[in-house]
Amino acid sequence: MMRNLGPVNAMYPSLTTIVGVTVDGKPNFSAIAHVGIMNHGQPQYVSVGINKKHHSPAGIHANREFSVCVPSQDMVAETDFVGLVSGRNCDKAALFSVFYGELKHAPMIEGCPVCMECRLHSVVDFTTHDVFIGEIVATHADESVLDGDGRIDIARVRPLLFDMASLRYWSLGAPVAKCWNAGRELKRGLEKS
């Protein structure tokens, strides 16, 4: 029997990222799990939802650039830390070896196995949060997380997942099935009827 829980967001766990911005000429990083894939075409876009009270939104509004870095499980302490403290009071960039790609206001973290630099496309105002939609300008991946075809292997990345209900970080398990394959038998059966 299904129980109605009310308007509870049950989309967790979600990918934990570290968003990089430049605020007042300095790199700043924030742990953000409110992220989304906007499309699969070209150009590609991602979204990040950040509370307006945080330090980072000012940098995105001012410079129209940001990065989205995907930390591995090995970076759980650093990731949690940049979500606990404000860049107004602490130089969070001092924790990391910072690098830049094509965009001069999108600092990225060398220790993260995957980093994307984004140019701001638009902002959606959601009362307490701004949702920043960014065009992916370039994606940087450590060689160690690439498969033989040069694609990112999520098992090698070992990303952190954030769950609001349990207030815990989680990890990925083993693959369950191949996409666009597991339902083929059902598809064939329905097409025959």
Foldseek 3Di string as FASTA:
>chain_A
DDDDPDPDDPPDFAFWWWKWFADPNAIAIAIFRQKAWDDDDPQTKMKTKDFPPARHVVRCVVQQKMKIFFAAPVCVVLRVVSHPDGPVVDRSCVVADWDDDPGPGYIDGPNGQKMWIWGFDDWDDDPRIIMTMTGTPDMDGDPQQADPVRDGNQVSNFGWIADPVVRDIDTDDDDDDDPPPPCPVVVVVVVVD
